[in-house]
Amino acid sequence: MRVLGSQFTRFLVADLEGRAHEIAPDGFDACRLFAIKHPSSVLLKQLVSNELGAGVDTAAAPKHIEYMRRHELLDYCDVSEKGHFKWYPKGVLIRRLLLDYAGRLAHEWGAFEMVNPVVIRGDHNVVGELMGEFHERDYRVDGGRGVCYLRYASDPLAFPFMQCVRVSYKQLPLKVYEEASCFRNEQQGEVSGLKRVRNFTMTDMHAACGSVEEARREFELLCFRFADLMNDVIAPDRWVLGWEGTVDFFEDNREWLLDIGRRMGVPAFFKLMPRMSHYYAIKNEYQVITEDRSNVQIGAVQWDVKDGPRFDIGFLGPDGVKRPCPVIIHASSFGSIERAICAILENIAMEAKEGRQPMFPLWLAPTQARFIPVSSEFAGAAKDLCDRIRRAGIRVDVDDTGESVSKRVRNAEREWIPYVLILGEREISSKQLSVRCRAEKEQREMFAEQFTGLVRDQLKGFPFRPLPLPAMVSRRPIFHG
């Protein structure tokens, strides 16, 4: 998606050392930074090309659509409109695990969770002003009591919520978090798989700050937490940082902003305008370059200088007098869960193109390990071992379908099962499992306790939820295909 418009007048790129290079829309590829054939420079050049240049031909369906349907995660819904999806059990599991991750991040940051309505009255002038300023496409509904809007983000109702909270300077910053179901009435030709949808879930965070110094601390803290999210969850080594803001804010904070990217170890692209067009003076975006070389935004951190005074969000000072919050930090760990899943699947497609085994990150794999008994004689033992390993916090199932062993192994490979455990007479006698490891493309022999420890070590620090389907594969329906 090209975002070049009349409001942007300056463009810069920053290298891994935090050095800035001015570029122009015409001839940006002559920048000496792009002559360096480092993977990060290639990614940055692609982002700049997508924003300022011709971009890429995205007429072909993105790879993630094939993956999401083949693996029965989610799909289009014939009785709804394009941009709204139905979620199958495996997709629900991945969605909830990502929400668990985002919720943990927010709680560790110090936010408390809230839930606000989805519908906004059309006659609420302050919120209407905010919506109009954001320039998003309204999703209008009319229940016979006047026109209402479905919210595009949590902001329109989070701010009135924060306005009513009584807080002193000792309790700042005021941090809130919401898993917000949002709606944007995107144009027909712009809706594309999970990249751009009309209904999505956003994990939104806000911090009402009492001073610029406090806001800088929170802004920087969230930047680095989101960098960890990109590296640990979404697309390690396949993302870059985009910035958008005013020329004055950039120049006043130049060294600080450039240093954030340097410390993250990622290059950055800055688009600057002479005056604010929205409520923020600066924001950054965490951009993934996908298999078709387009870019997908995952998260963002914004520096809002308008909405504190506009919504009368403030705090009681030492003298008991209410003061407005000069800065509100907005942050979305996942601008949408749908885009996050898109980026994860697109990253898997890139790895497959590079010759690596396509597979879900282990903590997101719907089935983390599968037992394949060589015959029905060993099905009972497989089920007992399955139950034992499941109690250790691992999603494990048993393929008891009665197909040949080779076909069940191929089925597990098509499902990207990380570990396949063959169980027969030899394994029962030796009490050792025959473990096929997808990532390493190798087979190992190990005791059940060793296998459990191996998997648990890889899952440390990530949320866990149980298997979303029956443990016996023969009892599962087919959701797609």
Protein backbone atom coordinates (compact mmCIF):
# COMPACT_ATOMS: atom_id res chain seq x y z
CA MET A 1 0.00 0.00 0.00
CA ARG A 2 1.46 3.37 -1.00
CA VAL A 3 1.11 6.10 1.61
CA LEU A 4 2.90 8.99 -0.10
CA GLY A 5 0.71 12.05 0.09
CA SER A 6 0.94 15.82 0.11
CA GLN A 7 1.29 15.92 3.91
CA PHE A 8 4.75 14.31 3.84
CA THR A 9 7.61 16.58 2.80
CA ARG A 10 10.75 14.87 4.17
CA PHE A 11 11.92 11.29 4.02
CA LEU A 12 14.86 9.67 5.80
CA VAL A 13 16.22 6.18 6.33
CA ALA A 14 18.33 5.15 9.31
CA ASP A 15 20.92 2.36 9.28
CA LEU A 16 21.73 -0.13 12.03
CA GLU A 17 24.14 2.36 13.63
CA GLY A 18 21.43 5.02 13.86
CA ARG A 19 22.87 7.21 11.09
CA ALA A 20 20.21 9.09 9.10
CA HIS A 21 20.24 9.47 5.31
CA GLU A 22 17.90 11.93 3.56
CA ILE A 23 16.13 10.46 0.52
CA ALA A 24 13.76 11.78 -2.13
CA PRO A 25 10.73 10.00 -3.58
CA ASP A 26 12.36 10.11 -7.00
CA GLY A 27 15.63 8.23 -6.99
CA PHE A 28 15.48 6.97 -3.39
CA ASP A 29 17.18 3.75 -4.50
CA ALA A 30 20.39 5.73 -5.06
CA CYS A 31 20.84 6.04 -1.30
CA ARG A 32 24.17 4.48 -0.35
CA LEU A 33 22.51 2.55 2.47
CA PHE A 34 20.71 0.44 -0.15
CA ALA A 35 24.00 -0.43 -1.83
CA ILE A 36 24.83 -2.55 1.22
CA LYS A 37 23.57 -6.07 0.53
CA HIS A 38 22.77 -6.75 4.16
CA PRO A 39 19.41 -8.52 4.66
CA SER A 40 18.13 -5.63 6.80
CA SER A 41 18.97 -3.11 4.05
CA VAL A 42 17.12 -5.24 1.51
CA LEU A 43 14.05 -5.31 3.76
CA LEU A 44 14.20 -1.56 4.34
CA LYS A 45 14.54 -0.82 0.64
CA GLN A 46 11.47 -2.96 -0.03
CA LEU A 47 9.44 -1.03 2.55
CA VAL A 48 10.55 2.30 1.06
CA SER A 49 9.74 1.04 -2.43
CA ASN A 50 6.28 -0.03 -1.28
CA GLU A 51 5.67 3.39 0.30
CA LEU A 52 7.31 5.75 -2.20
CA GLY A 53 7.79 3.73 -5.36
CA ALA A 54 5.80 1.41 -7.53
CA GLY A 55 5.52 -1.23 -4.82
CA VAL A 56 4.87 -4.81 -5.88
CA ASP A 57 2.35 -6.62 -8.01
CA THR A 58 0.00 -8.23 -5.48
CA ALA A 59 -2.55 -9.55 -7.99
CA ALA A 60 -1.84 -13.14 -6.95
CA ALA A 61 -3.47 -14.39 -3.76
CA PRO A 62 -1.15 -14.04 -0.74
CA LYS A 63 0.39 -17.31 0.44
CA HIS A 64 -1.19 -17.07 3.90
CA ILE A 65 -4.67 -17.62 2.41
CA GLU A 66 -3.65 -21.05 1.16
CA TYR A 67 -2.11 -21.90 4.53
CA MET A 68 -5.02 -20.67 6.67
CA ARG A 69 -7.48 -22.79 4.69
CA ARG A 70 -5.31 -25.89 4.30
CA HIS A 71 -4.62 -26.01 8.04
CA GLU A 72 -8.26 -25.30 8.93
CA LEU A 73 -7.54 -22.12 10.90
CA LEU A 74 -10.19 -19.79 9.49
CA ASP A 75 -12.04 -19.16 6.26
CA TYR A 76 -14.40 -16.88 4.41
CA CYS A 77 -18.04 -16.98 5.43
CA ASP A 78 -20.58 -17.11 2.61
CA VAL A 79 -23.42 -15.68 4.68
CA SER A 80 -21.37 -12.68 5.81
CA GLU A 81 -19.56 -10.07 3.73
CA LYS A 82 -15.95 -10.09 2.60
CA GLY A 83 -13.53 -9.13 5.35
CA HIS A 84 -15.40 -11.09 8.04
CA PHE A 85 -14.23 -14.63 8.85
CA LYS A 86 -15.34 -17.82 10.53
CA TRP A 87 -12.78 -19.36 12.86
CA TYR A 88 -12.22 -23.10 13.17
CA PRO A 89 -10.97 -24.72 16.41
CA LYS A 90 -7.27 -24.61 15.47
CA GLY A 91 -7.54 -20.96 14.46
CA VAL A 92 -9.40 -20.12 17.67
CA LEU A 93 -6.55 -21.73 19.62
CA ILE A 94 -3.86 -19.66 17.85
CA ARG A 95 -5.95 -16.51 18.20
CA ARG A 96 -6.41 -17.03 21.94
CA LEU A 97 -2.74 -17.85 22.49
CA LEU A 98 -1.77 -14.59 20.79
CA LEU A 99 -4.28 -12.72 22.95
CA ASP A 100 -2.81 -14.44 26.02
CA TYR A 101 0.64 -13.23 24.97
CA ALA A 102 -0.60 -9.67 24.42
CA GLY A 103 -2.51 -9.67 27.71
CA ARG A 104 0.54 -10.86 29.63
CA LEU A 105 2.65 -8.16 27.98
CA ALA A 106 0.13 -5.48 28.98
CA HIS A 107 -0.21 -6.71 32.54
CA GLU A 108 3.56 -6.93 33.01
CA TRP A 109 3.74 -3.36 31.70
CA GLY A 110 1.36 -2.40 34.49
CA ALA A 111 -1.94 -1.90 32.70
CA PHE A 112 -5.34 -2.86 34.03
CA GLU A 113 -7.85 -4.37 31.63
CA MET A 114 -11.18 -2.90 30.62
CA VAL A 115 -13.96 -3.68 28.14
CA ASN A 116 -15.87 -0.91 26.37
CA PRO A 117 -18.94 -0.95 24.09
CA VAL A 118 -18.61 -1.51 20.36
CA VAL A 119 -21.33 0.96 19.30
CA ILE A 120 -20.78 4.75 19.40
CA ARG A 121 -23.66 7.23 19.22
CA GLY A 122 -23.48 9.50 16.20
CA ASP A 123 -24.50 12.54 18.26
CA HIS A 124 -21.51 12.33 20.64
CA ASN A 125 -19.60 15.34 19.34
CA VAL A 126 -16.22 14.80 21.04
CA VAL A 127 -15.92 11.20 19.96
CA GLY A 128 -17.30 12.10 16.53
CA GLU A 129 -14.55 14.70 16.19
CA LEU A 130 -11.93 12.08 16.98
CA MET A 131 -13.38 9.64 14.46
CA GLY A 132 -13.52 12.29 11.76
CA GLU A 133 -9.92 13.27 12.41
CA PHE A 134 -8.73 9.70 12.09
CA HIS A 135 -10.03 9.58 8.50
CA GLU A 136 -11.12 5.96 8.75
CA ARG A 137 -14.09 4.50 6.91
CA ASP A 138 -17.11 4.52 9.15
CA TYR A 139 -19.10 1.35 9.72
CA ARG A 140 -22.59 2.73 10.25
CA VAL A 141 -25.55 0.99 11.84
CA ASP A 142 -29.08 2.22 12.50
CA GLY A 143 -31.25 0.41 14.99
CA GLY A 144 -34.09 2.89 14.64
CA ARG A 145 -32.73 5.26 17.32
CA GLY A 146 -30.43 7.30 15.10
CA VAL A 147 -27.19 6.57 13.29
CA CYS A 148 -24.45 4.90 15.29
CA TYR A 149 -20.92 3.83 14.42
CA LEU A 150 -19.04 0.62 15.09
CA ARG A 151 -15.73 1.62 16.63
CA TYR A 152 -12.59 1.50 14.48
CA ALA A 153 -10.31 1.10 17.54
CA SER A 154 -10.64 1.20 21.32
CA ASP A 155 -9.68 4.92 21.46
CA PRO A 156 -13.14 6.51 21.00
CA LEU A 157 -14.50 4.82 24.13
CA ALA A 158 -11.26 4.30 26.05
CA PHE A 159 -10.80 8.05 26.38
CA PRO A 160 -14.20 8.81 27.94
CA PHE A 161 -13.47 5.88 30.28
CA MET A 162 -10.11 7.39 31.28
CA GLN A 163 -11.74 10.81 31.61
CA CYS A 164 -13.91 9.52 34.43
CA VAL A 165 -11.12 7.84 36.40
CA ARG A 166 -9.95 9.87 39.38
CA VAL A 167 -6.17 9.66 39.58
CA SER A 168 -3.46 11.61 41.42
CA TYR A 169 0.09 12.40 40.33
CA LYS A 170 1.25 9.57 42.62
CA GLN A 171 -0.67 7.01 40.51
CA LEU A 172 0.65 8.06 37.11
CA PRO A 173 1.03 6.94 34.45
CA LEU A 174 -2.53 5.66 34.17
CA LYS A 175 -2.27 2.51 32.04
CA VAL A 176 -5.21 0.68 30.48
CA TYR A 177 -5.51 -2.31 28.14
CA GLU A 178 -8.34 -3.65 26.01
CA GLU A 179 -8.86 -6.51 23.57
CA ALA A 180 -11.05 -4.49 21.24
CA SER A 181 -13.30 -5.88 18.52
CA CYS A 182 -13.12 -3.24 15.77
CA PHE A 183 -14.72 -2.50 12.41
CA ARG A 184 -13.53 -0.58 9.37
CA ASN A 185 -15.60 -0.30 6.22
CA GLU A 186 -12.75 -0.92 3.81
CA GLN A 187 -13.35 -0.62 0.09
CA GLN A 188 -14.09 -3.82 -1.83
CA GLY A 189 -10.85 -3.87 -3.80
CA GLU A 190 -8.72 -3.28 -0.71
CA VAL A 191 -9.88 -6.28 1.31
CA SER A 192 -7.24 -9.00 0.91
CA GLY A 193 -7.13 -12.14 3.02
CA LEU A 194 -5.99 -11.27 6.53
CA LYS A 195 -3.91 -8.28 5.44
CA ARG A 196 -6.88 -5.94 5.37
CA VAL A 197 -10.21 -6.96 6.86
CA ARG A 198 -13.41 -5.27 7.98
CA ASN A 199 -13.71 -6.87 11.43
CA PHE A 200 -10.64 -7.49 13.57
CA THR A 201 -9.41 -7.73 17.14
CA MET A 202 -6.89 -5.12 18.30
CA THR A 203 -4.85 -5.36 21.50
CA ASP A 204 -4.80 -1.71 22.54
CA MET A 205 -2.81 -0.07 25.32
CA HIS A 206 -2.82 3.53 26.58
CA ALA A 207 -0.76 5.42 29.14
CA ALA A 208 -1.89 8.85 30.35
CA CYS A 209 1.34 10.55 31.44
CA GLY A 210 1.91 13.48 33.77
CA SER A 211 5.06 14.81 32.09
CA VAL A 212 7.06 14.58 28.89
CA GLU A 213 9.86 12.76 30.75
CA GLU A 214 7.39 10.13 31.98
CA ALA A 215 6.00 9.75 28.46
CA ARG A 216 9.47 9.23 27.00
CA ARG A 217 10.12 6.39 29.46
CA GLU A 218 6.85 4.65 28.61
CA PHE A 219 7.25 5.19 24.86
CA GLU A 220 10.73 3.70 24.87
CA LEU A 221 9.75 0.79 27.12
CA LEU A 222 6.93 -0.19 24.77
CA CYS A 223 9.15 0.13 21.70
CA PHE A 224 11.53 -2.48 23.05
CA ARG A 225 8.78 -4.78 24.30
CA PHE A 226 7.26 -4.75 20.82
CA ALA A 227 10.66 -5.43 19.25
CA ASP A 228 10.88 -8.55 21.43
CA LEU A 229 7.40 -9.53 20.25
CA MET A 230 8.48 -9.23 16.60
CA ASN A 231 11.62 -11.29 17.20
CA ASP A 232 10.08 -13.92 19.46
CA VAL A 233 6.66 -14.39 17.84
CA ILE A 234 6.09 -12.84 14.44
CA ALA A 235 9.05 -12.78 12.05
CA PRO A 236 12.61 -12.85 13.44
CA ASP A 237 15.01 -10.89 11.22
CA ARG A 238 12.25 -10.11 8.71
CA TRP A 239 10.87 -6.80 9.95
CA VAL A 240 11.80 -3.13 9.89
CA LEU A 241 10.67 0.02 11.67
CA GLY A 242 8.57 2.74 10.05
CA TRP A 243 8.09 6.21 11.55
CA GLU A 244 5.60 8.97 10.79
CA GLY A 245 5.50 12.37 12.43
CA THR A 246 6.18 16.08 12.24
CA VAL A 247 9.46 17.64 11.19
CA ASP A 248 9.62 19.66 14.44
CA PHE A 249 9.15 16.66 16.71
CA PHE A 250 11.76 14.69 14.81
CA GLU A 251 14.34 17.49 14.94
CA ASP A 252 13.66 18.19 18.62
CA ASN A 253 14.08 14.47 19.44
CA ARG A 254 16.36 13.38 16.62
CA GLU A 255 19.07 11.56 18.58
CA TRP A 256 16.57 9.81 20.85
CA LEU A 257 14.44 8.53 17.96
CA LEU A 258 17.41 7.35 15.92
CA ASP A 259 18.90 5.66 18.97
CA ILE A 260 15.73 3.61 19.53
CA GLY A 261 16.21 1.91 16.16
CA ARG A 262 19.94 1.48 16.75
CA ARG A 263 19.36 -0.26 20.08
CA MET A 264 16.69 -2.48 18.52
CA GLY A 265 19.12 -3.51 15.82
CA VAL A 266 16.72 -2.71 12.97
CA PRO A 267 16.82 -0.06 10.22
CA ALA A 268 14.09 2.57 10.00
CA PHE A 269 12.17 4.70 7.49
CA PHE A 270 10.90 8.17 8.51
CA LYS A 271 8.07 10.05 6.77
CA LEU A 272 7.81 13.60 8.07
CA MET A 273 5.22 16.35 7.61
CA PRO A 274 5.33 20.07 8.42
CA ARG A 275 2.31 19.92 10.74
CA MET A 276 0.20 17.32 12.53
CA SER A 277 -2.57 15.71 10.51
CA HIS A 278 -3.77 13.44 13.33
CA TYR A 279 -3.56 13.45 17.12
CA TYR A 280 0.03 12.22 17.29
CA ALA A 281 3.30 14.09 16.86
CA ILE A 282 5.20 10.87 16.13
CA LYS A 283 4.44 7.18 15.81
CA ASN A 284 6.30 4.08 14.79
CA GLU A 285 5.08 0.96 13.06
CA TYR A 286 6.49 -2.58 13.13
CA GLN A 287 6.43 -3.70 9.50
CA VAL A 288 6.88 -7.27 8.23
CA ILE A 289 7.93 -7.89 4.62
CA THR A 290 5.83 -10.79 3.36
CA GLU A 291 6.40 -13.58 0.85
CA ASP A 292 5.09 -11.43 -2.03
CA ARG A 293 7.32 -8.51 -0.87
CA SER A 294 4.44 -6.36 0.34
CA ASN A 295 4.45 -5.09 3.93
CA VAL A 296 2.12 -5.79 6.84
CA GLN A 297 1.98 -3.61 9.93
CA ILE A 298 1.82 -5.56 13.20
CA GLY A 299 2.06 -3.05 16.05
CA ALA A 300 2.51 0.68 16.65
CA VAL A 301 3.45 3.14 19.39
CA GLN A 302 2.10 6.71 19.16
CA TRP A 303 2.86 10.01 20.96
CA ASP A 304 -0.54 11.77 21.35
CA VAL A 305 -0.52 15.44 22.36
CA LYS A 306 -4.16 16.29 21.58
CA ASP A 307 -6.49 13.91 23.38
CA GLY A 308 -5.50 14.71 26.99
CA PRO A 309 -6.89 18.25 26.77
CA ARG A 310 -9.67 17.30 24.31
CA PHE A 311 -11.13 14.61 26.58
CA ASP A 312 -10.16 16.34 29.84
CA ILE A 313 -7.96 13.40 30.84
CA GLY A 314 -5.91 14.65 33.76
CA PHE A 315 -4.62 14.09 37.27
CA LEU A 316 -4.71 15.79 40.64
CA GLY A 317 -1.42 17.51 41.43
CA PRO A 318 0.14 17.90 44.92
CA ASP A 319 -2.09 20.95 45.48
CA GLY A 320 -5.27 19.04 44.64
CA VAL A 321 -5.79 20.95 41.38
CA LYS A 322 -6.55 18.94 38.23
CA ARG A 323 -3.98 19.20 35.45
CA PRO A 324 -4.32 17.82 31.91
CA CYS A 325 -2.04 14.98 30.83
CA PRO A 326 0.33 16.51 28.27
CA VAL A 327 0.96 13.19 26.49
CA ILE A 328 -1.00 10.00 26.07
CA ILE A 329 0.95 7.04 24.72
CA HIS A 330 -1.06 4.78 22.40
CA ALA A 331 0.27 1.31 21.70
CA SER A 332 -1.09 -1.69 19.84
CA SER A 333 0.95 -4.84 20.38
CA PHE A 334 -1.21 -6.38 17.65
CA GLY A 335 -2.87 -3.81 15.39
CA SER A 336 -5.02 -6.80 14.59
CA ILE A 337 -4.76 -10.45 15.53
CA GLU A 338 -5.68 -11.23 11.93
CA ARG A 339 -2.65 -9.37 10.56
CA ALA A 340 -0.44 -11.06 13.14
CA ILE A 341 -1.55 -14.50 11.92
CA CYS A 342 -1.09 -13.32 8.34
CA ALA A 343 2.50 -12.28 9.11
CA ILE A 344 3.29 -15.53 10.92
CA LEU A 345 2.01 -17.59 7.97
CA GLU A 346 3.81 -15.37 5.45
CA ASN A 347 7.04 -15.78 7.42
CA ILE A 348 6.57 -19.55 7.28
CA ALA A 349 6.15 -19.24 3.48
CA MET A 350 9.43 -17.31 3.29
CA GLU A 351 11.21 -19.99 5.30
CA ALA A 352 9.84 -22.68 3.00
CA LYS A 353 11.10 -20.73 -0.02
CA GLU A 354 14.55 -20.68 1.60
CA GLY A 355 14.51 -24.48 1.97
CA ARG A 356 13.52 -24.73 5.62
CA GLN A 357 10.70 -26.91 6.90
CA PRO A 358 7.44 -24.96 7.02
CA MET A 359 6.02 -25.16 10.53
CA PHE A 360 4.20 -23.15 13.16
CA PRO A 361 6.19 -21.80 16.10
CA LEU A 362 6.04 -24.67 18.60
CA TRP A 363 3.95 -22.76 21.17
CA LEU A 364 1.34 -21.96 18.47
CA ALA A 365 1.25 -25.40 16.81
CA PRO A 366 -2.31 -26.77 17.30
CA THR A 367 -0.80 -30.25 17.79
CA GLN A 368 2.73 -30.20 19.19
CA ALA A 369 3.29 -33.97 19.16
CA ARG A 370 1.47 -36.91 17.59
CA PHE A 371 1.61 -40.60 18.46
CA ILE A 372 1.35 -43.05 15.56
CA PRO A 373 0.83 -46.61 16.81
CA VAL A 374 2.07 -49.08 14.19
CA SER A 375 -1.12 -51.14 14.62
CA SER A 376 -4.33 -51.18 16.66
CA GLU A 377 -2.54 -53.45 19.14
CA PHE A 378 -0.57 -50.44 20.39
CA ALA A 379 -3.39 -47.87 20.33
CA GLY A 380 -4.10 -48.29 24.04
CA ALA A 381 -0.46 -47.76 25.00
CA ALA A 382 -0.32 -44.70 22.71
CA LYS A 383 -3.39 -43.24 24.39
CA ASP A 384 -1.91 -43.83 27.88
CA LEU A 385 1.35 -42.11 26.89
CA CYS A 386 -0.63 -39.32 25.22
CA ASP A 387 -2.56 -38.67 28.47
CA ARG A 388 0.67 -38.72 30.47
CA ILE A 389 2.44 -36.21 28.23
CA ARG A 390 -0.67 -34.05 27.93
CA ARG A 391 -0.72 -33.61 31.72
CA ALA A 392 2.77 -32.08 31.45
CA GLY A 393 1.32 -29.20 29.41
CA ILE A 394 1.92 -30.38 25.84
CA ARG A 395 -0.70 -30.60 23.08
CA VAL A 396 -0.42 -34.22 21.98
CA ASP A 397 -2.79 -36.49 20.07
CA VAL A 398 -2.99 -40.02 18.63
CA ASP A 399 -3.58 -40.89 14.98
CA ASP A 400 -5.78 -43.95 15.38
CA THR A 401 -7.33 -43.76 11.92
CA GLY A 402 -6.08 -47.19 10.83
CA GLU A 403 -4.28 -45.90 7.74
CA SER A 404 -0.82 -47.26 6.97
CA VAL A 405 2.04 -45.90 9.09
CA SER A 406 3.62 -44.19 6.08
CA LYS A 407 0.37 -42.43 5.18
CA ARG A 408 -0.18 -41.27 8.78
CA VAL A 409 3.38 -39.93 8.85
CA ARG A 410 2.70 -38.04 5.61
CA ASN A 411 -0.52 -36.66 7.09
CA ALA A 412 1.43 -35.42 10.12
CA GLU A 413 3.95 -33.80 7.79
CA ARG A 414 1.15 -32.02 5.89
CA GLU A 415 -0.16 -30.72 9.21
CA TRP A 416 3.34 -29.50 10.16
CA ILE A 417 3.31 -31.56 13.38
CA PRO A 418 6.62 -30.67 15.12
CA TYR A 419 7.15 -34.11 16.72
CA VAL A 420 5.89 -37.48 15.47
CA LEU A 421 6.20 -40.41 17.90
CA ILE A 422 6.13 -43.90 16.38
CA LEU A 423 5.02 -46.58 18.84
CA GLY A 424 5.39 -50.30 18.23
CA GLU A 425 6.84 -53.45 19.77
CA ARG A 426 10.41 -52.13 19.71
CA GLU A 427 9.45 -48.92 21.54
CA ILE A 428 7.36 -50.79 24.11
CA SER A 429 10.24 -53.21 24.82
CA SER A 430 12.94 -50.54 25.08
CA LYS A 431 10.63 -48.02 26.81
CA GLN A 432 12.09 -45.43 24.46
CA LEU A 433 10.10 -43.37 22.00
CA SER A 434 11.06 -43.09 18.35
CA VAL A 435 10.80 -39.32 17.81
CA ARG A 436 10.77 -37.67 14.38
CA CYS A 437 11.79 -34.00 14.80
CA ARG A 438 10.42 -31.86 11.98
CA ALA A 439 12.65 -28.81 12.51
CA GLU A 440 15.91 -30.77 12.54
CA LYS A 441 14.76 -33.35 9.97
CA GLU A 442 16.10 -36.14 12.15
CA GLN A 443 14.93 -39.07 14.24
CA ARG A 444 15.91 -39.64 17.88
CA GLU A 445 15.36 -42.26 20.52
CA MET A 446 14.47 -40.96 23.97
CA PHE A 447 12.52 -41.80 27.10
CA ALA A 448 9.13 -40.16 27.59
CA GLU A 449 10.51 -37.99 30.40
CA GLN A 450 13.34 -36.78 28.15
CA PHE A 451 10.90 -35.92 25.39
CA THR A 452 8.61 -34.06 27.77
CA GLY A 453 11.55 -32.07 29.12
CA LEU A 454 12.77 -31.26 25.60
CA VAL A 455 9.40 -29.80 24.58
CA ARG A 456 8.75 -28.03 27.87
CA ASP A 457 12.12 -26.27 27.64
CA GLN A 458 11.14 -24.85 24.24
CA LEU A 459 7.76 -23.67 25.56
CA LYS A 460 9.14 -21.72 28.52
CA GLY A 461 7.85 -18.17 28.66
CA PHE A 462 4.97 -18.72 26.26
CA PRO A 463 1.25 -19.11 27.07
CA PHE A 464 -0.32 -22.56 26.91
CA ARG A 465 -3.82 -23.77 26.11
CA PRO A 466 -4.97 -27.38 25.70
CA LEU A 467 -5.65 -29.26 22.48
CA PRO A 468 -8.64 -27.68 20.66
CA LEU A 469 -9.92 -30.99 19.22
CA PRO A 470 -10.39 -34.59 20.41
CA ALA A 471 -7.11 -36.32 21.19
CA MET A 472 -8.05 -39.25 18.96
CA VAL A 473 -7.72 -38.11 15.35
CA SER A 474 -10.44 -40.53 14.16
CA ARG A 475 -13.01 -38.51 16.12
CA ARG A 476 -12.32 -35.21 14.32
CA PRO A 477 -14.54 -33.77 11.59
CA ILE A 478 -13.09 -32.21 8.46
CA PHE A 479 -13.67 -28.42 8.48
CA HIS A 480 -12.37 -27.53 5.01
CA GLY A 481 -11.52 -29.19 1.70
